PDB file of all heavy atoms in Angstrom:
ATOM      1  N   ASP A   1       0.899  -1.290  -0.065  1.00  0.00           N
ATOM      2  CA  ASP A   1       0.009   0.054   0.033  1.00  0.00           C
ATOM      3  C   ASP A   1       0.821   1.236  -0.008  1.00  0.00           C
ATOM      4  O   ASP A   1       0.330   2.367   0.332  1.00  0.00           O
ATOM      5  CB  ASP A   1      -0.915   0.075   1.191  1.00  0.00           C
ATOM      6  CG  ASP A   1      -2.013  -1.071   1.004  1.00  0.00           C
ATOM      7  OD1 ASP A   1      -2.449  -1.302  -0.193  1.00  0.00           O
ATOM      8  OD2 ASP A   1      -2.444  -1.657   2.097  1.00  0.00           O
ATOM      9  N   VAL A   2       2.090   1.179  -0.331  1.00  0.00           N
ATOM     10  CA  VAL A   2       2.978   2.357  -0.506  1.00  0.00           C
ATOM     11  C   VAL A   2       3.265   2.587  -2.034  1.00  0.00           C
ATOM     12  O   VAL A   2       3.668   1.559  -2.570  1.00  0.00           O
ATOM     13  CB  VAL A   2       4.338   2.190   0.344  1.00  0.00           C
ATOM     14  CG1 VAL A   2       5.234   3.380   0.067  1.00  0.00           C
ATOM     15  CG2 VAL A   2       4.047   1.928   1.745  1.00  0.00           C
ATOM     16  N   ILE A   3       3.012   3.699  -2.443  1.00  0.00           N
ATOM     17  CA  ILE A   3       3.177   4.022  -3.861  1.00  0.00           C
ATOM     18  C   ILE A   3       4.651   4.403  -4.060  1.00  0.00           C
ATOM     19  O   ILE A   3       5.162   5.147  -3.214  1.00  0.00           O
ATOM     20  CB  ILE A   3       2.259   5.119  -4.397  1.00  0.00           C
ATOM     21  CG1 ILE A   3       2.232   5.129  -5.933  1.00  0.00           C
ATOM     22  CG2 ILE A   3       2.586   6.484  -3.752  1.00  0.00           C
ATOM     23  CD1 ILE A   3       1.321   4.266  -6.550  1.00  0.00           C
ATOM     24  N   VAL A   4       5.340   3.856  -5.003  1.00  0.00           N
ATOM     25  CA  VAL A   4       6.754   4.016  -5.121  1.00  0.00           C
ATOM     26  C   VAL A   4       7.026   4.704  -6.515  1.00  0.00           C
ATOM     27  O   VAL A   4       7.094   4.069  -7.630  1.00  0.00           O
ATOM     28  CB  VAL A   4       7.612   2.754  -5.206  1.00  0.00           C
ATOM     29  CG1 VAL A   4       9.078   2.873  -5.376  1.00  0.00           C
ATOM     30  CG2 VAL A   4       7.275   1.868  -3.911  1.00  0.00           C
ATOM     31  N   TYR A   5       7.070   5.999  -6.508  1.00  0.00           N
ATOM     32  CA  TYR A   5       7.161   6.878  -7.675  1.00  0.00           C
ATOM     33  C   TYR A   5       8.495   6.672  -8.424  1.00  0.00           C
ATOM     34  O   TYR A   5       8.586   6.971  -9.634  1.00  0.00           O
ATOM     35  CB  TYR A   5       6.937   8.362  -7.421  1.00  0.00           C
ATOM     36  CG  TYR A   5       5.448   8.529  -7.034  1.00  0.00           C
ATOM     37  CD1 TYR A   5       5.199   8.990  -5.734  1.00  0.00           C
ATOM     38  CD2 TYR A   5       4.451   8.560  -7.945  1.00  0.00           C
ATOM     39  CE1 TYR A   5       3.907   9.268  -5.380  1.00  0.00           C
ATOM     40  CE2 TYR A   5       3.118   8.804  -7.591  1.00  0.00           C
ATOM     41  CZ  TYR A   5       2.845   9.202  -6.299  1.00  0.00           C
ATOM     42  OH  TYR A   5       1.547   9.453  -5.995  1.00  0.00           O
ATOM     43  N   SER A   6       9.461   6.165  -7.710  1.00  0.00           N
ATOM     44  CA  SER A   6      10.781   5.981  -8.298  1.00  0.00           C
ATOM     45  C   SER A   6      10.672   4.865  -9.407  1.00  0.00           C
ATOM     46  O   SER A   6      11.354   4.854 -10.480  1.00  0.00           O
ATOM     47  CB  SER A   6      11.749   5.475  -7.288  1.00  0.00           C
ATOM     48  OG  SER A   6      11.824   6.454  -6.259  1.00  0.00           O
ATOM     49  N   ASP A   7       9.837   3.919  -9.197  1.00  0.00           N
ATOM     50  CA  ASP A   7       9.570   2.705 -10.027  1.00  0.00           C
ATOM     51  C   ASP A   7       8.441   3.104 -10.991  1.00  0.00           C
ATOM     52  O   ASP A   7       7.344   2.546 -10.986  1.00  0.00           O
ATOM     53  CB  ASP A   7       9.199   1.475  -9.251  1.00  0.00           C
ATOM     54  CG  ASP A   7      10.380   0.951  -8.365  1.00  0.00           C
ATOM     55  OD1 ASP A   7      11.406   1.732  -8.276  1.00  0.00           O
ATOM     56  OD2 ASP A   7      10.305  -0.034  -7.730  1.00  0.00           O
ATOM     57  N   LEU A   8       8.782   4.013 -11.981  1.00  0.00           N
ATOM     58  CA  LEU A   8       7.816   4.513 -12.838  1.00  0.00           C
ATOM     59  C   LEU A   8       7.862   3.817 -14.199  1.00  0.00           C
ATOM     60  O   LEU A   8       8.943   3.754 -14.737  1.00  0.00           O
ATOM     61  CB  LEU A   8       7.893   6.064 -12.929  1.00  0.00           C
ATOM     62  CG  LEU A   8       6.819   6.828 -13.663  1.00  0.00           C
ATOM     63  CD1 LEU A   8       5.568   6.776 -12.779  1.00  0.00           C
ATOM     64  CD2 LEU A   8       7.131   8.254 -13.923  1.00  0.00           C
ATOM     65  N   ILE A   9       6.793   3.563 -14.799  1.00  0.00           N
ATOM     66  CA  ILE A   9       6.602   3.065 -16.209  1.00  0.00           C
ATOM     67  C   ILE A   9       5.606   3.943 -16.969  1.00  0.00           C
ATOM     68  O   ILE A   9       4.445   4.169 -16.380  1.00  0.00           O
ATOM     69  CB  ILE A   9       6.208   1.579 -16.222  1.00  0.00           C
ATOM     70  CG1 ILE A   9       7.330   0.697 -15.559  1.00  0.00           C
ATOM     71  CG2 ILE A   9       6.014   1.159 -17.779  1.00  0.00           C
ATOM     72  CD1 ILE A   9       6.929  -0.824 -15.577  1.00  0.00           C
ATOM     73  N   LYS A  10       5.890   4.339 -18.114  1.00  0.00           N
ATOM     74  CA  LYS A  10       4.978   5.121 -18.988  1.00  0.00           C
ATOM     75  C   LYS A  10       4.571   4.158 -20.089  1.00  0.00           C
ATOM     76  O   LYS A  10       5.306   3.672 -20.817  1.00  0.00           O
ATOM     77  CB  LYS A  10       5.686   6.413 -19.561  1.00  0.00           C
ATOM     78  CG  LYS A  10       5.975   7.321 -18.452  1.00  0.00           C
ATOM     79  CD  LYS A  10       6.751   8.651 -19.077  1.00  0.00           C
ATOM     80  CE  LYS A  10       7.165   9.482 -17.943  1.00  0.00           C
ATOM     81  NZ  LYS A  10       7.771  10.702 -18.471  1.00  0.00           N
ATOM     82  N   VAL A  11       3.218   4.230 -20.303  1.00  0.00           N
ATOM     83  CA  VAL A  11       2.672   3.316 -21.485  1.00  0.00           C
ATOM     84  C   VAL A  11       1.904   4.282 -22.403  1.00  0.00           C
ATOM     85  O   VAL A  11       1.033   5.078 -21.918  1.00  0.00           O
ATOM     86  CB  VAL A  11       1.826   2.234 -20.831  1.00  0.00           C
ATOM     87  CG1 VAL A  11       1.159   1.401 -22.031  1.00  0.00           C
ATOM     88  CG2 VAL A  11       2.553   1.301 -19.869  1.00  0.00           C
ATOM     89  N   LYS A  12       2.182   4.185 -23.668  1.00  0.00           N
ATOM     90  CA  LYS A  12       1.396   4.999 -24.557  1.00  0.00           C
ATOM     91  C   LYS A  12       0.385   4.206 -25.423  1.00  0.00           C
ATOM     92  O   LYS A  12       0.808   3.057 -25.941  1.00  0.00           O
ATOM     93  CB  LYS A  12       2.499   5.503 -25.575  1.00  0.00           C
ATOM     94  CG  LYS A  12       2.062   6.608 -26.575  1.00  0.00           C
ATOM     95  CD  LYS A  12       3.344   7.131 -27.208  1.00  0.00           C
ATOM     96  CE  LYS A  12       3.513   6.703 -28.657  1.00  0.00           C
ATOM     97  NZ  LYS A  12       4.537   7.401 -29.405  1.00  0.00           N
ATOM     98  N   ILE A  13      -0.872   4.515 -25.344  1.00  0.00           N
ATOM     99  CA  ILE A  13      -1.879   3.651 -25.832  1.00  0.00           C
ATOM    100  C   ILE A  13      -2.816   4.538 -26.728  1.00  0.00           C
ATOM    101  O   ILE A  13      -3.221   5.651 -26.690  1.00  0.00           O
ATOM    102  CB  ILE A  13      -2.938   3.285 -24.675  1.00  0.00           C
ATOM    103  CG1 ILE A  13      -2.142   2.536 -23.614  1.00  0.00           C
ATOM    104  CG2 ILE A  13      -4.082   2.519 -25.158  1.00  0.00           C
ATOM    105  CD1 ILE A  13      -2.811   2.431 -22.238  1.00  0.00           C
ATOM    106  N   ALA A  14      -3.068   3.869 -28.013  1.00  0.00           N
ATOM    107  CA  ALA A  14      -3.922   4.480 -29.007  1.00  0.00           C
ATOM    108  C   ALA A  14      -5.323   4.382 -28.506  1.00  0.00           C
ATOM    109  O   ALA A  14      -5.758   3.354 -28.102  1.00  0.00           O
ATOM    110  CB  ALA A  14      -3.743   3.735 -30.426  1.00  0.00           C
ATOM    111  N   LEU A  15      -6.122   5.476 -28.626  1.00  0.00           N
ATOM    112  CA  LEU A  15      -7.478   5.528 -28.092  1.00  0.00           C
ATOM    113  C   LEU A  15      -8.414   5.123 -29.203  1.00  0.00           C
ATOM    114  O   LEU A  15      -9.696   5.063 -28.957  1.00  0.00           O
ATOM    115  CB  LEU A  15      -7.824   6.910 -27.581  1.00  0.00           C
ATOM    116  CG  LEU A  15      -7.036   7.258 -26.262  1.00  0.00           C
ATOM    117  CD1 LEU A  15      -7.287   8.689 -25.932  1.00  0.00           C
ATOM    118  CD2 LEU A  15      -7.410   6.268 -25.132  1.00  0.00           C
ATOM    119  N   ASP A  16      -7.961   4.797 -30.375  1.00  0.00           N
ATOM    120  CA  ASP A  16      -8.907   4.173 -31.477  1.00  0.00           C
ATOM    121  C   ASP A  16      -9.130   2.741 -31.244  1.00  0.00           C
ATOM    122  O   ASP A  16     -10.229   2.198 -31.551  1.00  0.00           O
ATOM    123  CB  ASP A  16      -8.493   4.665 -32.798  1.00  0.00           C
ATOM    124  CG  ASP A  16      -7.033   4.124 -33.194  1.00  0.00           C
ATOM    125  OD1 ASP A  16      -6.384   3.619 -32.338  1.00  0.00           O
ATOM    126  OD2 ASP A  16      -6.656   4.305 -34.382  1.00  0.00           O
ATOM    127  N   ASN A  17      -8.131   1.958 -30.917  1.00  0.00           N
ATOM    128  CA  ASN A  17      -8.270   0.587 -30.837  1.00  0.00           C
ATOM    129  C   ASN A  17      -7.504  -0.040 -29.618  1.00  0.00           C
ATOM    130  O   ASN A  17      -7.445  -1.247 -29.531  1.00  0.00           O
ATOM    131  CB  ASN A  17      -7.766  -0.075 -32.124  1.00  0.00           C
ATOM    132  CG  ASN A  17      -6.247   0.104 -32.336  1.00  0.00           C
ATOM    133  OD1 ASN A  17      -5.560   0.635 -31.541  1.00  0.00           O
ATOM    134  ND2 ASN A  17      -5.744  -0.323 -33.525  1.00  0.00           N
ATOM    135  N   GLY A  18      -6.812   0.743 -28.736  1.00  0.00           N
ATOM    136  CA  GLY A  18      -6.211   0.192 -27.601  1.00  0.00           C
ATOM    137  C   GLY A  18      -4.803  -0.432 -27.805  1.00  0.00           C
ATOM    138  O   GLY A  18      -4.218  -1.035 -27.011  1.00  0.00           O
ATOM    139  N   GLU A  19      -4.270  -0.193 -29.050  1.00  0.00           N
ATOM    140  CA  GLU A  19      -2.952  -0.648 -29.344  1.00  0.00           C
ATOM    141  C   GLU A  19      -1.864  -0.040 -28.455  1.00  0.00           C
ATOM    142  O   GLU A  19      -1.917   1.213 -28.315  1.00  0.00           O
ATOM    143  CB  GLU A  19      -2.629  -0.400 -30.813  1.00  0.00           C
ATOM    144  CG  GLU A  19      -1.264  -0.935 -31.207  1.00  0.00           C
ATOM    145  CD  GLU A  19      -0.993  -0.667 -32.663  1.00  0.00           C
ATOM    146  OE1 GLU A  19      -1.661   0.160 -33.303  1.00  0.00           O
ATOM    147  OE2 GLU A  19       0.074  -1.119 -33.203  1.00  0.00           O
ATOM    148  N   ILE A  20      -0.993  -0.771 -27.899  1.00  0.00           N
ATOM    149  CA  ILE A  20       0.193  -0.236 -27.246  1.00  0.00           C
ATOM    150  C   ILE A  20       1.108   0.421 -28.183  1.00  0.00           C
ATOM    151  O   ILE A  20       1.820  -0.426 -29.037  1.00  0.00           O
ATOM    152  CB  ILE A  20       0.765  -1.341 -26.277  1.00  0.00           C
ATOM    153  CG1 ILE A  20      -0.231  -1.900 -25.308  1.00  0.00           C
ATOM    154  CG2 ILE A  20       1.902  -0.666 -25.480  1.00  0.00           C
ATOM    155  CD1 ILE A  20      -0.851  -0.950 -24.357  1.00  0.00           C
ATOM    156  N   LEU A  21       1.356   1.719 -28.176  1.00  0.00           N
ATOM    157  CA  LEU A  21       2.258   2.251 -29.036  1.00  0.00           C
ATOM    158  C   LEU A  21       3.656   2.589 -28.513  1.00  0.00           C
ATOM    159  O   LEU A  21       4.580   2.801 -29.283  1.00  0.00           O
ATOM    160  CB  LEU A  21       1.740   3.647 -29.609  1.00  0.00           C
ATOM    161  CG  LEU A  21       0.358   3.490 -30.394  1.00  0.00           C
ATOM    162  CD1 LEU A  21      -0.117   4.811 -30.720  1.00  0.00           C
ATOM    163  CD2 LEU A  21       0.554   2.568 -31.565  1.00  0.00           C
ATOM    164  N   GLY A  22       3.737   2.410 -27.130  1.00  0.00           N
ATOM    165  CA  GLY A  22       5.055   2.809 -26.496  1.00  0.00           C
ATOM    166  C   GLY A  22       5.099   2.353 -25.150  1.00  0.00           C
ATOM    167  O   GLY A  22       4.063   2.300 -24.363  1.00  0.00           O
ATOM    168  N   ILE A  23       6.342   2.057 -24.643  1.00  0.00           N
ATOM    169  CA  ILE A  23       6.536   1.874 -23.195  1.00  0.00           C
ATOM    170  C   ILE A  23       7.957   2.390 -22.790  1.00  0.00           C
ATOM    171  O   ILE A  23       8.905   2.142 -23.518  1.00  0.00           O
ATOM    172  CB  ILE A  23       6.374   0.364 -22.894  1.00  0.00           C
ATOM    173  CG1 ILE A  23       6.557   0.099 -21.319  1.00  0.00           C
ATOM    174  CG2 ILE A  23       7.277  -0.468 -23.755  1.00  0.00           C
ATOM    175  CD1 ILE A  23       6.122  -1.247 -20.979  1.00  0.00           C
ATOM    176  N   GLU A  24       7.987   2.990 -21.723  1.00  0.00           N
ATOM    177  CA  GLU A  24       9.195   3.522 -21.263  1.00  0.00           C
ATOM    178  C   GLU A  24       9.449   3.071 -19.827  1.00  0.00           C
ATOM    179  O   GLU A  24       8.665   3.294 -18.960  1.00  0.00           O
ATOM    180  CB  GLU A  24       9.194   5.081 -21.259  1.00  0.00           C
ATOM    181  CG  GLU A  24      10.647   5.732 -21.183  1.00  0.00           C
ATOM    182  CD  GLU A  24      11.000   5.894 -19.736  1.00  0.00           C
ATOM    183  OE1 GLU A  24      10.359   6.516 -18.917  1.00  0.00           O
ATOM    184  OE2 GLU A  24      12.168   5.396 -19.399  1.00  0.00           O
ATOM    185  N   THR A  25      10.435   2.193 -19.639  1.00  0.00           N
ATOM    186  CA  THR A  25      10.617   1.495 -18.356  1.00  0.00           C
ATOM    187  C   THR A  25      11.912   1.910 -17.591  1.00  0.00           C
ATOM    188  O   THR A  25      12.187   1.193 -16.524  1.00  0.00           O
ATOM    189  CB  THR A  25      10.595   0.004 -18.536  1.00  0.00           C
ATOM    190  OG1 THR A  25      11.749  -0.336 -19.404  1.00  0.00           O
ATOM    191  CG2 THR A  25       9.293  -0.488 -19.262  1.00  0.00           C
ATOM    192  N   SER A  26      12.623   2.850 -17.941  1.00  0.00           N
ATOM    193  CA  SER A  26      13.986   3.177 -17.368  1.00  0.00           C
ATOM    194  C   SER A  26      13.841   3.440 -15.903  1.00  0.00           C
ATOM    195  O   SER A  26      14.713   2.987 -15.100  1.00  0.00           O
ATOM    196  CB  SER A  26      14.683   4.225 -18.126  1.00  0.00           C
ATOM    197  OG  SER A  26      14.023   5.431 -18.094  1.00  0.00           O
ATOM    198  N   GLY A  27      12.857   4.170 -15.461  1.00  0.00           N
ATOM    199  CA  GLY A  27      12.706   4.469 -14.027  1.00  0.00           C
ATOM    200  C   GLY A  27      12.532   3.258 -13.216  1.00  0.00           C
ATOM    201  O   GLY A  27      13.116   2.975 -12.266  1.00  0.00           O
ATOM    202  N   TYR A  28      11.677   2.324 -13.690  1.00  0.00           N
ATOM    203  CA  TYR A  28      11.383   0.997 -12.970  1.00  0.00           C
ATOM    204  C   TYR A  28      12.614   0.222 -13.102  1.00  0.00           C
ATOM    205  O   TYR A  28      13.084  -0.305 -12.018  1.00  0.00           O
ATOM    206  CB  TYR A  28      10.243   0.290 -13.727  1.00  0.00           C
ATOM    207  CG  TYR A  28       9.816  -0.986 -12.985  1.00  0.00           C
ATOM    208  CD1 TYR A  28       8.877  -0.999 -12.040  1.00  0.00           C
ATOM    209  CD2 TYR A  28      10.468  -2.137 -13.352  1.00  0.00           C
ATOM    210  CE1 TYR A  28       8.418  -2.145 -11.516  1.00  0.00           C
ATOM    211  CE2 TYR A  28      10.070  -3.406 -12.668  1.00  0.00           C
ATOM    212  CZ  TYR A  28       9.113  -3.274 -11.832  1.00  0.00           C
ATOM    213  OH  TYR A  28       8.777  -4.551 -11.218  1.00  0.00           O
ATOM    214  N   LEU A  29      13.296   0.031 -14.218  1.00  0.00           N
ATOM    215  CA  LEU A  29      14.347  -0.931 -14.397  1.00  0.00           C
ATOM    216  C   LEU A  29      15.629  -0.368 -13.684  1.00  0.00           C
ATOM    217  O   LEU A  29      16.410  -1.235 -13.125  1.00  0.00           O
ATOM    218  CB  LEU A  29      14.803  -1.127 -15.851  1.00  0.00           C
ATOM    219  CG  LEU A  29      13.666  -1.850 -16.660  1.00  0.00           C
ATOM    220  CD1 LEU A  29      14.097  -1.845 -18.093  1.00  0.00           C
ATOM    221  CD2 LEU A  29      13.483  -3.167 -16.188  1.00  0.00           C
ATOM    222  N   ASN A  30      15.783   0.908 -13.461  1.00  0.00           N
ATOM    223  CA  ASN A  30      16.977   1.412 -12.767  1.00  0.00           C
ATOM    224  C   ASN A  30      16.773   1.412 -11.221  1.00  0.00           C
ATOM    225  O   ASN A  30      17.866   1.548 -10.558  1.00  0.00           O
ATOM    226  CB  ASN A  30      17.255   2.832 -13.232  1.00  0.00           C
ATOM    227  CG  ASN A  30      17.912   2.836 -14.672  1.00  0.00           C
ATOM    228  OD1 ASN A  30      18.623   2.000 -14.993  1.00  0.00           O
ATOM    229  ND2 ASN A  30      17.639   3.898 -15.373  1.00  0.00           N
ATOM    230  N   SER A  31      15.482   1.303 -10.811  1.00  0.00           N
ATOM    231  CA  SER A  31      15.411   1.522  -9.282  1.00  0.00           C
ATOM    232  C   SER A  31      14.682   0.488  -8.611  1.00  0.00           C
ATOM    233  O   SER A  31      14.633   0.416  -7.359  1.00  0.00           O
ATOM    234  CB  SER A  31      14.845   2.908  -8.940  1.00  0.00           C
ATOM    235  OG  SER A  31      13.547   3.008  -9.454  1.00  0.00           O
ATOM    236  N   HIS A  32      13.959  -0.549  -9.399  1.00  0.00           N
ATOM    237  CA  HIS A  32      13.093  -1.475  -8.676  1.00  0.00           C
ATOM    238  C   HIS A  32      13.801  -2.443  -7.818  1.00  0.00           C
ATOM    239  O   HIS A  32      14.763  -3.062  -8.272  1.00  0.00           O
ATOM    240  CB  HIS A  32      12.247  -2.173  -9.692  1.00  0.00           C
ATOM    241  CG  HIS A  32      11.262  -3.110  -9.139  1.00  0.00           C
ATOM    242  ND1 HIS A  32      10.260  -2.658  -8.423  1.00  0.00           N
ATOM    243  CD2 HIS A  32      11.346  -4.488  -9.031  1.00  0.00           C
ATOM    244  CE1 HIS A  32       9.537  -3.631  -7.884  1.00  0.00           C
ATOM    245  NE2 HIS A  32      10.225  -4.831  -8.368  1.00  0.00           N
TER     246      HIS A  32
END
């Protein structure tokens, strides 16, 4: 129940069909 903002992932989603267009995981991978 603690939110860990250091472990951040950004996901880019198309709103026409839900396709995942991008993901950025460096925050998560560098600090998780």
